[in-house]
Structures are given as structure tokens and as C-alpha cells.
Amino acid sequence: MGSDDLHDKRKAKRAGDLARRKSRRAPYDRVLIVCEGSKTEPHYLQELIDYLELNSANVKIDGSCGSSPNTVVGYARQKYTQEKRNNDAFDRVFCVFDEDTHTT
């Protein structure tokens, strides 16, 4: 009932057919958001990410640095250089401040 040349009839896979395809989507940027509050701002930013249905796999929100703007910027620089040394640097870094009166 079968055909003796069954293997000849099937199209042999070429090496190009078996190769992994290149990605079509551009990779997401790694983003660090440093804020002066440890509760309100991180929760607000996380809710915003959820509401806008953004991919949060590459977004790190950190609010554990203090309330002074100089401290927030210094902490953001420290985290950036630390990740850069580990060959996993952030593509974008944002600092979030309240409109309070600060001495620095």
C-alpha cells in the first residue's frame, strides 16, 4: 500500500529552515525610577504601570533612599554605576521628587 520512495517525496529541511529566527520586536529599555518616598510614590507609579498595561519586567522602582533631592540623585547614580559594573546597566534613570521645600 505504501510507497517505497516516501522519503524522496518529502521535502528535506534545509539548514536555513532550522535556524532560529531573529527577533522582530525591539527590546525594552531597562528603566530605574528612584523616588524620595518609600510608600506613596512607588505604589502610585506601580498603579500607573498597571493601569497603562506597560511591560514592567524591565522597570525597577526604588524608594529606599531618603527624602533629600541630593540623596535621591546620589542614590540613582550609585545604582546605575553598580548595575553598569555588572554589565547590566539601565537605559534610562528617572528621579521623582515632591514639591516640598528642601534645603538642597
PDB file of N, CA and C in Angstrom:
ATOM      1  N   MET A   1       0.800  -1.185   0.000  1.00  0.00           N
ATOM      2  CA  MET A   1       0.000   0.000   0.000  1.00  0.00           C
ATOM      3  C   MET A   1       0.844   1.251   0.000  1.00  0.00           C
ATOM      4  N   GLY A   2       1.982   1.201   0.667  1.00  0.00           N
ATOM      5  CA  GLY A   2       2.815   2.387   0.789  1.00  0.00           C
ATOM      6  C   GLY A   2       3.732   2.550  -0.401  1.00  0.00           C
ATOM      7  N   SER A   3       4.368   3.637  -0.404  1.00  0.00           N
ATOM      8  CA  SER A   3       5.285   3.950  -1.479  1.00  0.00           C
ATOM      9  C   SER A   3       6.713   3.737  -0.994  1.00  0.00           C
ATOM     10  N   ASP A   4       7.530   3.156  -1.845  1.00  0.00           N
ATOM     11  CA  ASP A   4       8.913   2.911  -1.480  1.00  0.00           C
ATOM     12  C   ASP A   4       9.748   4.179  -1.482  1.00  0.00           C
ATOM     13  N   ASP A   5       9.306   5.195  -2.232  1.00  0.00           N
ATOM     14  CA  ASP A   5      10.088   6.431  -2.317  1.00  0.00           C
ATOM     15  C   ASP A   5       9.474   7.543  -1.444  1.00  0.00           C
ATOM     16  N   LEU A   6       8.928   7.137  -0.311  1.00  0.00           N
ATOM     17  CA  LEU A   6       8.290   8.085   0.593  1.00  0.00           C
ATOM     18  C   LEU A   6       9.258   9.168   1.070  1.00  0.00           C
ATOM     19  N   HIS A   7      10.492   8.767   1.391  1.00  0.00           N
ATOM     20  CA  HIS A   7      11.474   9.732   1.873  1.00  0.00           C
ATOM     21  C   HIS A   7      11.916  10.674   0.768  1.00  0.00           C
ATOM     22  N   ASP A   8      11.883  10.242  -0.460  1.00  0.00           N
ATOM     23  CA  ASP A   8      12.255  11.119  -1.565  1.00  0.00           C
ATOM     24  C   ASP A   8      11.175  12.155  -1.825  1.00  0.00           C
ATOM     25  N   LYS A   9       9.942  11.823  -1.524  1.00  0.00           N
ATOM     26  CA  LYS A   9       8.842  12.740  -1.790  1.00  0.00           C
ATOM     27  C   LYS A   9       8.776  13.877  -0.766  1.00  0.00           C
ATOM     28  N   ARG A  10       9.181  13.575   0.448  1.00  0.00           N
ATOM     29  CA  ARG A  10       9.154  14.619   1.479  1.00  0.00           C
ATOM     30  C   ARG A  10      10.273  15.616   1.224  1.00  0.00           C
ATOM     31  N   LYS A  11       9.951  16.844   1.452  1.00  0.00           N
ATOM     32  CA  LYS A  11      10.948  17.898   1.247  1.00  0.00           C
ATOM     33  C   LYS A  11      11.935  17.875   2.404  1.00  0.00           C
ATOM     34  N   ALA A  12      13.184  17.762   2.074  1.00  0.00           N
ATOM     35  CA  ALA A  12      14.220  17.754   3.105  1.00  0.00           C
ATOM     36  C   ALA A  12      14.356  19.159   3.677  1.00  0.00           C
ATOM     37  N   LYS A  13      14.525  19.207   4.984  1.00  0.00           N
ATOM     38  CA  LYS A  13      14.696  20.507   5.634  1.00  0.00           C
ATOM     39  C   LYS A  13      16.083  21.060   5.327  1.00  0.00           C
ATOM     40  N   ARG A  14      16.100  22.302   4.941  1.00  0.00           N
ATOM     41  CA  ARG A  14      17.388  22.966   4.710  1.00  0.00           C
ATOM     42  C   ARG A  14      17.868  23.559   6.025  1.00  0.00           C
ATOM     43  N   ALA A  15      19.134  23.864   6.090  1.00  0.00           N
ATOM     44  CA  ALA A  15      19.711  24.434   7.310  1.00  0.00           C
ATOM     45  C   ALA A  15      19.063  25.776   7.634  1.00  0.00           C
ATOM     46  N   GLY A  16      18.699  26.547   6.638  1.00  0.00           N
ATOM     47  CA  GLY A  16      18.048  27.837   6.848  1.00  0.00           C
ATOM     48  C   GLY A  16      16.675  27.691   7.465  1.00  0.00           C
ATOM     49  N   ASP A  17      15.977  26.588   7.170  1.00  0.00           N
ATOM     50  CA  ASP A  17      14.660  26.359   7.748  1.00  0.00           C
ATOM     51  C   ASP A  17      14.755  26.018   9.235  1.00  0.00           C
ATOM     52  N   LEU A  18      15.864  25.453   9.660  1.00  0.00           N
ATOM     53  CA  LEU A  18      16.025  25.033  11.045  1.00  0.00           C
ATOM     54  C   LEU A  18      16.658  26.101  11.927  1.00  0.00           C
ATOM     55  N   ALA A  19      17.209  27.137  11.323  1.00  0.00           N
ATOM     56  CA  ALA A  19      17.886  28.182  12.093  1.00  0.00           C
ATOM     57  C   ALA A  19      16.867  29.006  12.878  1.00  0.00           C
ATOM     58  N   ARG A  20      17.289  29.496  14.033  1.00  0.00           N
ATOM     59  CA  ARG A  20      16.424  30.327  14.859  1.00  0.00           C
ATOM     60  C   ARG A  20      16.214  31.670  14.186  1.00  0.00           C
ATOM     61  N   ARG A  21      14.972  32.120  14.169  1.00  0.00           N
ATOM     62  CA  ARG A  21      14.655  33.404  13.544  1.00  0.00           C
ATOM     63  C   ARG A  21      15.101  34.557  14.432  1.00  0.00           C
ATOM     64  N   LYS A  22      15.460  35.654  13.813  1.00  0.00           N
ATOM     65  CA  LYS A  22      15.854  36.855  14.551  1.00  0.00           C
ATOM     66  C   LYS A  22      14.601  37.513  15.116  1.00  0.00           C
ATOM     67  N   SER A  23      14.773  38.183  16.247  1.00  0.00           N
ATOM     68  CA  SER A  23      13.634  38.844  16.872  1.00  0.00           C
ATOM     69  C   SER A  23      13.184  40.029  16.020  1.00  0.00           C
ATOM     70  N   ARG A  24      11.900  40.236  15.997  1.00  0.00           N
ATOM     71  CA  ARG A  24      11.344  41.325  15.196  1.00  0.00           C
ATOM     72  C   ARG A  24      11.048  42.545  16.049  1.00  0.00           C
ATOM     73  N   ARG A  25      10.832  42.340  17.327  1.00  0.00           N
ATOM     74  CA  ARG A  25      10.485  43.427  18.225  1.00  0.00           C
ATOM     75  C   ARG A  25      11.755  43.976  18.878  1.00  0.00           C
ATOM     76  N   ALA A  26      11.823  45.271  18.969  1.00  0.00           N
ATOM     77  CA  ALA A  26      12.969  45.893  19.643  1.00  0.00           C
ATOM     78  C   ALA A  26      12.896  45.569  21.134  1.00  0.00           C
ATOM     79  N   PRO A  27      14.026  45.315  21.775  1.00  0.00           N
ATOM     80  CA  PRO A  27      13.993  45.003  23.206  1.00  0.00           C
ATOM     81  C   PRO A  27      13.566  46.224  24.017  1.00  0.00           C
ATOM     82  N   TYR A  28      12.946  45.955  25.150  1.00  0.00           N
ATOM     83  CA  TYR A  28      12.514  47.035  26.026  1.00  0.00           C
ATOM     84  C   TYR A  28      13.712  47.622  26.758  1.00  0.00           C
ATOM     85  N   ASP A  29      13.641  48.925  27.018  1.00  0.00           N
ATOM     86  CA  ASP A  29      14.683  49.590  27.788  1.00  0.00           C
ATOM     87  C   ASP A  29      14.574  49.179  29.257  1.00  0.00           C
ATOM     88  N   ARG A  30      15.719  49.078  29.912  1.00  0.00           N
ATOM     89  CA  ARG A  30      15.733  48.871  31.367  1.00  0.00           C
ATOM     90  C   ARG A  30      15.626  50.244  32.004  1.00  0.00           C
ATOM     91  N   VAL A  31      14.658  50.396  32.885  1.00  0.00           N
ATOM     92  CA  VAL A  31      14.356  51.703  33.472  1.00  0.00           C
ATOM     93  C   VAL A  31      14.453  51.609  34.990  1.00  0.00           C
ATOM     94  N   LEU A  32      15.121  52.602  35.579  1.00  0.00           N
ATOM     95  CA  LEU A  32      15.193  52.745  37.028  1.00  0.00           C
ATOM     96  C   LEU A  32      14.478  54.040  37.404  1.00  0.00           C
ATOM     97  N   ILE A  33      13.513  53.935  38.333  1.00  0.00           N
ATOM     98  CA  ILE A  33      12.808  55.107  38.843  1.00  0.00           C
ATOM     99  C   ILE A  33      13.108  55.183  40.334  1.00  0.00           C
ATOM    100  N   VAL A  34      13.771  56.267  40.739  1.00  0.00           N
ATOM    101  CA  VAL A  34      14.114  56.468  42.144  1.00  0.00           C
ATOM    102  C   VAL A  34      13.256  57.609  42.667  1.00  0.00           C
ATOM    103  N   CYS A  35      12.526  57.362  43.758  1.00  0.00           N
ATOM    104  CA  CYS A  35      11.675  58.401  44.328  1.00  0.00           C
ATOM    105  C   CYS A  35      12.019  58.616  45.796  1.00  0.00           C
ATOM    106  N   GLU A  36      11.632  59.776  46.305  1.00  0.00           N
ATOM    107  CA  GLU A  36      12.019  60.120  47.659  1.00  0.00           C
ATOM    108  C   GLU A  36      11.150  59.456  48.720  1.00  0.00           C
ATOM    109  N   GLY A  37       9.953  59.083  48.390  1.00  0.00           N
ATOM    110  CA  GLY A  37       9.079  58.409  49.347  1.00  0.00           C
ATOM    111  C   GLY A  37       9.218  56.903  49.236  1.00  0.00           C
ATOM    112  N   SER A  38       9.003  56.213  50.348  1.00  0.00           N
ATOM    113  CA  SER A  38       9.141  54.758  50.320  1.00  0.00           C
ATOM    114  C   SER A  38       7.800  54.048  50.179  1.00  0.00           C
ATOM    115  N   LYS A  39       6.692  54.773  50.330  1.00  0.00           N
ATOM    116  CA  LYS A  39       5.379  54.136  50.246  1.00  0.00           C
ATOM    117  C   LYS A  39       4.520  54.720  49.134  1.00  0.00           C
ATOM    118  N   THR A  40       4.222  55.993  49.219  1.00  0.00           N
ATOM    119  CA  THR A  40       3.243  56.603  48.319  1.00  0.00           C
ATOM    120  C   THR A  40       3.694  56.592  46.860  1.00  0.00           C
ATOM    121  N   GLU A  41       4.878  57.123  46.583  1.00  0.00           N
ATOM    122  CA  GLU A  41       5.337  57.234  45.203  1.00  0.00           C
ATOM    123  C   GLU A  41       5.523  55.878  44.520  1.00  0.00           C
ATOM    124  N   PRO A  42       6.184  54.889  45.168  1.00  0.00           N
ATOM    125  CA  PRO A  42       6.308  53.590  44.497  1.00  0.00           C
ATOM    126  C   PRO A  42       4.957  52.935  44.212  1.00  0.00           C
ATOM    127  N   HIS A  43       4.005  53.057  45.149  1.00  0.00           N
ATOM    128  CA  HIS A  43       2.672  52.478  44.915  1.00  0.00           C
ATOM    129  C   HIS A  43       1.965  53.204  43.770  1.00  0.00           C
ATOM    130  N   TYR A  44       2.064  54.520  43.757  1.00  0.00           N
ATOM    131  CA  TYR A  44       1.440  55.307  42.690  1.00  0.00           C
ATOM    132  C   TYR A  44       2.026  54.932  41.328  1.00  0.00           C
ATOM    133  N   LEU A  45       3.342  54.840  41.235  1.00  0.00           N
ATOM    134  CA  LEU A  45       3.981  54.508  39.956  1.00  0.00           C
ATOM    135  C   LEU A  45       3.654  53.079  39.523  1.00  0.00           C
ATOM    136  N   GLN A  46       3.569  52.153  40.467  1.00  0.00           N
ATOM    137  CA  GLN A  46       3.206  50.780  40.119  1.00  0.00           C
ATOM    138  C   GLN A  46       1.762  50.706  39.619  1.00  0.00           C
ATOM    139  N   GLU A  47       0.867  51.449  40.257  1.00  0.00           N
ATOM    140  CA  GLU A  47      -0.522  51.502  39.797  1.00  0.00           C
ATOM    141  C   GLU A  47      -0.616  52.118  38.404  1.00  0.00           C
ATOM    142  N   LEU A  48       0.206  53.119  38.135  1.00  0.00           N
ATOM    143  CA  LEU A  48       0.229  53.740  36.813  1.00  0.00           C
ATOM    144  C   LEU A  48       0.699  52.749  35.753  1.00  0.00           C
ATOM    145  N   ILE A  49       1.715  51.971  36.060  1.00  0.00           N
ATOM    146  CA  ILE A  49       2.212  50.943  35.136  1.00  0.00           C
ATOM    147  C   ILE A  49       1.129  49.905  34.875  1.00  0.00           C
ATOM    148  N   ASP A  50       0.420  49.497  35.940  1.00  0.00           N
ATOM    149  CA  ASP A  50      -0.656  48.515  35.784  1.00  0.00           C
ATOM    150  C   ASP A  50      -1.816  49.082  34.971  1.00  0.00           C
ATOM    151  N   TYR A  51      -2.186  50.334  35.244  1.00  0.00           N
ATOM    152  CA  TYR A  51      -3.304  50.965  34.546  1.00  0.00           C
ATOM    153  C   TYR A  51      -3.018  51.119  33.051  1.00  0.00           C
ATOM    154  N   LEU A  52      -1.807  51.524  32.714  1.00  0.00           N
ATOM    155  CA  LEU A  52      -1.432  51.719  31.314  1.00  0.00           C
ATOM    156  C   LEU A  52      -1.042  50.414  30.632  1.00  0.00           C
ATOM    157  N   GLU A  53      -1.039  49.319  31.391  1.00  0.00           N
ATOM    158  CA  GLU A  53      -0.702  47.990  30.890  1.00  0.00           C
ATOM    159  C   GLU A  53       0.671  47.971  30.216  1.00  0.00           C
ATOM    160  N   LEU A  54       1.641  48.570  30.908  1.00  0.00           N
ATOM    161  CA  LEU A  54       3.012  48.592  30.415  1.00  0.00           C
ATOM    162  C   LEU A  54       3.730  47.324  30.843  1.00  0.00           C
ATOM    163  N   ASN A  55       4.738  46.949  30.086  1.00  0.00           N
ATOM    164  CA  ASN A  55       5.543  45.804  30.456  1.00  0.00           C
ATOM    165  C   ASN A  55       6.459  46.228  31.600  1.00  0.00           C
ATOM    166  N   SER A  56       6.249  45.657  32.758  1.00  0.00           N
ATOM    167  CA  SER A  56       7.013  46.088  33.926  1.00  0.00           C
ATOM    168  C   SER A  56       8.185  45.162  34.232  1.00  0.00           C
ATOM    169  N   ALA A  57       8.522  44.275  33.314  1.00  0.00           N
ATOM    170  CA  ALA A  57       9.619  43.344  33.565  1.00  0.00           C
ATOM    171  C   ALA A  57      10.959  44.062  33.674  1.00  0.00           C
ATOM    172  N   ASN A  58      11.113  45.174  32.973  1.00  0.00           N
ATOM    173  CA  ASN A  58      12.382  45.890  32.961  1.00  0.00           C
ATOM    174  C   ASN A  58      12.316  47.219  33.702  1.00  0.00           C
ATOM    175  N   VAL A  59      11.308  47.408  34.548  1.00  0.00           N
ATOM    176  CA  VAL A  59      11.160  48.650  35.312  1.00  0.00           C
ATOM    177  C   VAL A  59      11.391  48.345  36.783  1.00  0.00           C
ATOM    178  N   LYS A  60      12.333  49.072  37.390  1.00  0.00           N
ATOM    179  CA  LYS A  60      12.605  48.914  38.822  1.00  0.00           C
ATOM    180  C   LYS A  60      12.289  50.234  39.502  1.00  0.00           C
ATOM    181  N   ILE A  61      11.394  50.188  40.478  1.00  0.00           N
ATOM    182  CA  ILE A  61      11.015  51.373  41.241  1.00  0.00           C
ATOM    183  C   ILE A  61      11.629  51.235  42.622  1.00  0.00           C
ATOM    184  N   ASP A  62      12.395  52.252  43.029  1.00  0.00           N
ATOM    185  CA  ASP A  62      13.096  52.190  44.309  1.00  0.00           C
ATOM    186  C   ASP A  62      12.821  53.461  45.101  1.00  0.00           C
ATOM    187  N   GLY A  63      12.342  53.311  46.317  1.00  0.00           N
ATOM    188  CA  GLY A  63      12.055  54.463  47.158  1.00  0.00           C
ATOM    189  C   GLY A  63      12.731  54.367  48.506  1.00  0.00           C
ATOM    190  N   SER A  64      13.872  53.715  48.562  1.00  0.00           N
ATOM    191  CA  SER A  64      14.518  53.466  49.848  1.00  0.00           C
ATOM    192  C   SER A  64      15.770  54.313  50.058  1.00  0.00           C
ATOM    193  N   CYS A  65      15.747  55.553  49.564  1.00  0.00           N
ATOM    194  CA  CYS A  65      16.995  56.326  49.613  1.00  0.00           C
ATOM    195  C   CYS A  65      16.946  57.546  50.516  1.00  0.00           C
ATOM    196  N   GLY A  66      15.797  58.015  50.908  1.00  0.00           N
ATOM    197  CA  GLY A  66      15.718  59.221  51.722  1.00  0.00           C
ATOM    198  C   GLY A  66      14.885  60.276  51.030  1.00  0.00           C
ATOM    199  N   SER A  67      14.782  61.452  51.654  1.00  0.00           N
ATOM    200  CA  SER A  67      13.872  62.458  51.114  1.00  0.00           C
ATOM    201  C   SER A  67      14.562  63.670  50.507  1.00  0.00           C
ATOM    202  N   SER A  68      15.842  63.818  50.683  1.00  0.00           N
ATOM    203  CA  SER A  68      16.557  64.958  50.118  1.00  0.00           C
ATOM    204  C   SER A  68      16.801  64.729  48.624  1.00  0.00           C
ATOM    205  N   PRO A  69      16.574  65.759  47.790  1.00  0.00           N
ATOM    206  CA  PRO A  69      16.836  65.593  46.351  1.00  0.00           C
ATOM    207  C   PRO A  69      18.271  65.175  46.047  1.00  0.00           C
ATOM    208  N   ASN A  70      19.251  65.725  46.794  1.00  0.00           N
ATOM    209  CA  ASN A  70      20.645  65.314  46.585  1.00  0.00           C
ATOM    210  C   ASN A  70      20.839  63.837  46.888  1.00  0.00           C
ATOM    211  N   THR A  71      20.173  63.358  47.928  1.00  0.00           N
ATOM    212  CA  THR A  71      20.269  61.947  48.293  1.00  0.00           C
ATOM    213  C   THR A  71      19.646  61.063  47.214  1.00  0.00           C
ATOM    214  N   VAL A  72      18.516  61.488  46.664  1.00  0.00           N
ATOM    215  CA  VAL A  72      17.831  60.713  45.622  1.00  0.00           C
ATOM    216  C   VAL A  72      18.708  60.614  44.379  1.00  0.00           C
ATOM    217  N   VAL A  73      19.277  61.723  43.956  1.00  0.00           N
ATOM    218  CA  VAL A  73      20.130  61.720  42.761  1.00  0.00           C
ATOM    219  C   VAL A  73      21.407  60.915  43.011  1.00  0.00           C
ATOM    220  N   GLY A  74      21.993  61.066  44.177  1.00  0.00           N
ATOM    221  CA  GLY A  74      23.198  60.297  44.513  1.00  0.00           C
ATOM    222  C   GLY A  74      22.921  58.802  44.538  1.00  0.00           C
ATOM    223  N   TYR A  75      21.783  58.419  45.096  1.00  0.00           N
ATOM    224  CA  TYR A  75      21.406  57.009  45.145  1.00  0.00           C
ATOM    225  C   TYR A  75      21.169  56.466  43.740  1.00  0.00           C
ATOM    226  N   ALA A  76      20.537  57.262  42.871  1.00  0.00           N
ATOM    227  CA  ALA A  76      20.295  56.840  41.488  1.00  0.00           C
ATOM    228  C   ALA A  76      21.617  56.640  40.751  1.00  0.00           C
ATOM    229  N   ARG A  77      22.565  57.543  40.949  1.00  0.00           N
ATOM    230  CA  ARG A  77      23.891  57.383  40.329  1.00  0.00           C
ATOM    231  C   ARG A  77      24.594  56.127  40.837  1.00  0.00           C
ATOM    232  N   GLN A  78      24.491  55.886  42.143  1.00  0.00           N
ATOM    233  CA  GLN A  78      25.121  54.711  42.738  1.00  0.00           C
ATOM    234  C   GLN A  78      24.533  53.426  42.155  1.00  0.00           C
ATOM    235  N   LYS A  79      23.201  53.344  42.054  1.00  0.00           N
ATOM    236  CA  LYS A  79      22.558  52.147  41.500  1.00  0.00           C
ATOM    237  C   LYS A  79      22.927  51.956  40.031  1.00  0.00           C
ATOM    238  N   TYR A  80      23.000  53.072  39.281  1.00  0.00           N
ATOM    239  CA  TYR A  80      23.356  52.991  37.862  1.00  0.00           C
ATOM    240  C   TYR A  80      24.773  52.452  37.678  1.00  0.00           C
ATOM    241  N   THR A  81      25.729  53.000  38.428  1.00  0.00           N
ATOM    242  CA  THR A  81      27.114  52.542  38.279  1.00  0.00           C
ATOM    243  C   THR A  81      27.290  51.111  38.779  1.00  0.00           C
ATOM    244  N   GLN A  82      26.548  50.738  39.815  1.00  0.00           N
ATOM    245  CA  GLN A  82      26.609  49.366  40.322  1.00  0.00           C
ATOM    246  C   GLN A  82      26.119  48.379  39.264  1.00  0.00           C
ATOM    247  N   GLU A  83      25.011  48.688  38.601  1.00  0.00           N
ATOM    248  CA  GLU A  83      24.484  47.808  37.554  1.00  0.00           C
ATOM    249  C   GLU A  83      25.373  47.832  36.304  1.00  0.00           C
ATOM    250  N   LYS A  84      26.001  48.981  36.047  1.00  0.00           N
ATOM    251  CA  LYS A  84      26.895  49.080  34.898  1.00  0.00           C
ATOM    252  C   LYS A  84      28.120  48.198  35.093  1.00  0.00           C
ATOM    253  N   ARG A  85      28.629  48.143  36.331  1.00  0.00           N
ATOM    254  CA  ARG A  85      29.764  47.264  36.636  1.00  0.00           C
ATOM    255  C   ARG A  85      29.392  45.797  36.442  1.00  0.00           C
ATOM    256  N   ASN A  86      28.139  45.463  36.652  1.00  0.00           N
ATOM    257  CA  ASN A  86      27.661  44.090  36.475  1.00  0.00           C
ATOM    258  C   ASN A  86      27.260  43.805  35.021  1.00  0.00           C
ATOM    259  N   ASN A  87      27.585  44.734  34.110  1.00  0.00           N
ATOM    260  CA  ASN A  87      27.258  44.620  32.679  1.00  0.00           C
ATOM    261  C   ASN A  87      25.763  44.491  32.437  1.00  0.00           C
ATOM    262  N   ASP A  88      24.966  45.171  33.252  1.00  0.00           N
ATOM    263  CA  ASP A  88      23.516  45.151  33.090  1.00  0.00           C
ATOM    264  C   ASP A  88      22.960  46.543  33.379  1.00  0.00           C
ATOM    265  N   ALA A  89      23.535  47.557  32.742  1.00  0.00           N
ATOM    266  CA  ALA A  89      23.210  48.954  33.035  1.00  0.00           C
ATOM    267  C   ALA A  89      21.778  49.292  32.629  1.00  0.00           C
ATOM    268  N   PHE A  90      21.216  50.271  33.332  1.00  0.00           N
ATOM    269  CA  PHE A  90      19.897  50.786  32.984  1.00  0.00           C
ATOM    270  C   PHE A  90      20.026  51.683  31.757  1.00  0.00           C
ATOM    271  N   ASP A  91      19.012  51.651  30.901  1.00  0.00           N
ATOM    272  CA  ASP A  91      18.996  52.519  29.725  1.00  0.00           C
ATOM    273  C   ASP A  91      18.498  53.918  30.079  1.00  0.00           C
ATOM    274  N   ARG A  92      17.593  53.981  31.036  1.00  0.00           N
ATOM    275  CA  ARG A  92      17.033  55.260  31.459  1.00  0.00           C
ATOM    276  C   ARG A  92      16.921  55.282  32.984  1.00  0.00           C
ATOM    277  N   VAL A  93      17.187  56.451  33.556  1.00  0.00           N
ATOM    278  CA  VAL A  93      17.077  56.627  35.004  1.00  0.00           C
ATOM    279  C   VAL A  93      16.264  57.892  35.254  1.00  0.00           C
ATOM    280  N   PHE A  94      15.228  57.777  36.109  1.00  0.00           N
ATOM    281  CA  PHE A  94      14.379  58.909  36.452  1.00  0.00           C
ATOM    282  C   PHE A  94      14.388  59.094  37.958  1.00  0.00           C
ATOM    283  N   CYS A  95      14.370  60.371  38.387  1.00  0.00           N
ATOM    284  CA  CYS A  95      14.263  60.703  39.800  1.00  0.00           C
ATOM    285  C   CYS A  95      12.952  61.456  39.996  1.00  0.00           C
ATOM    286  N   VAL A  96      12.177  61.065  41.007  1.00  0.00           N
ATOM    287  CA  VAL A  96      10.865  61.657  41.266  1.00  0.00           C
ATOM    288  C   VAL A  96      10.922  62.381  42.606  1.00  0.00           C
ATOM    289  N   PHE A  97      10.502  63.662  42.598  1.00  0.00           N
ATOM    290  CA  PHE A  97      10.525  64.495  43.798  1.00  0.00           C
ATOM    291  C   PHE A  97       9.146  65.065  44.051  1.00  0.00           C
ATOM    292  N   ASP A  98       8.873  65.378  45.324  1.00  0.00           N
ATOM    293  CA  ASP A  98       7.685  66.151  45.690  1.00  0.00           C
ATOM    294  C   ASP A  98       8.030  67.632  45.571  1.00  0.00           C
ATOM    295  N   GLU A  99       6.993  68.463  45.618  1.00  0.00           N
ATOM    296  CA  GLU A  99       7.219  69.907  45.555  1.00  0.00           C
ATOM    297  C   GLU A  99       7.394  70.505  46.947  1.00  0.00           C
ATOM    298  N   ASP A 100       7.999  69.762  47.831  1.00  0.00           N
ATOM    299  CA  ASP A 100       8.269  70.269  49.173  1.00  0.00           C
ATOM    300  C   ASP A 100       9.432  71.253  49.121  1.00  0.00           C
ATOM    301  N   THR A 101       9.556  72.040  50.185  1.00  0.00           N
ATOM    302  CA  THR A 101      10.712  72.916  50.282  1.00  0.00           C
ATOM    303  C   THR A 101      11.884  72.124  50.837  1.00  0.00           C
ATOM    304  N   HIS A 102      12.949  72.093  50.095  1.00  0.00           N
ATOM    305  CA  HIS A 102      14.148  71.379  50.503  1.00  0.00           C
ATOM    306  C   HIS A 102      15.291  72.360  50.601  1.00  0.00           C
ATOM    307  N   THR A 103      16.207  72.103  51.482  1.00  0.00           N
ATOM    308  CA  THR A 103      17.370  72.983  51.623  1.00  0.00           C
ATOM    309  C   THR A 103      18.408  72.708  50.532  1.00  0.00           C
ATOM    310  N   THR A 104      18.369  71.501  49.953  1.00  0.00           N
ATOM    311  CA  THR A 104      19.338  71.169  48.896  1.00  0.00           C
ATOM    312  C   THR A 104      18.623  70.936  47.590  1.00  0.00           C
TER     313      THR A 104
END
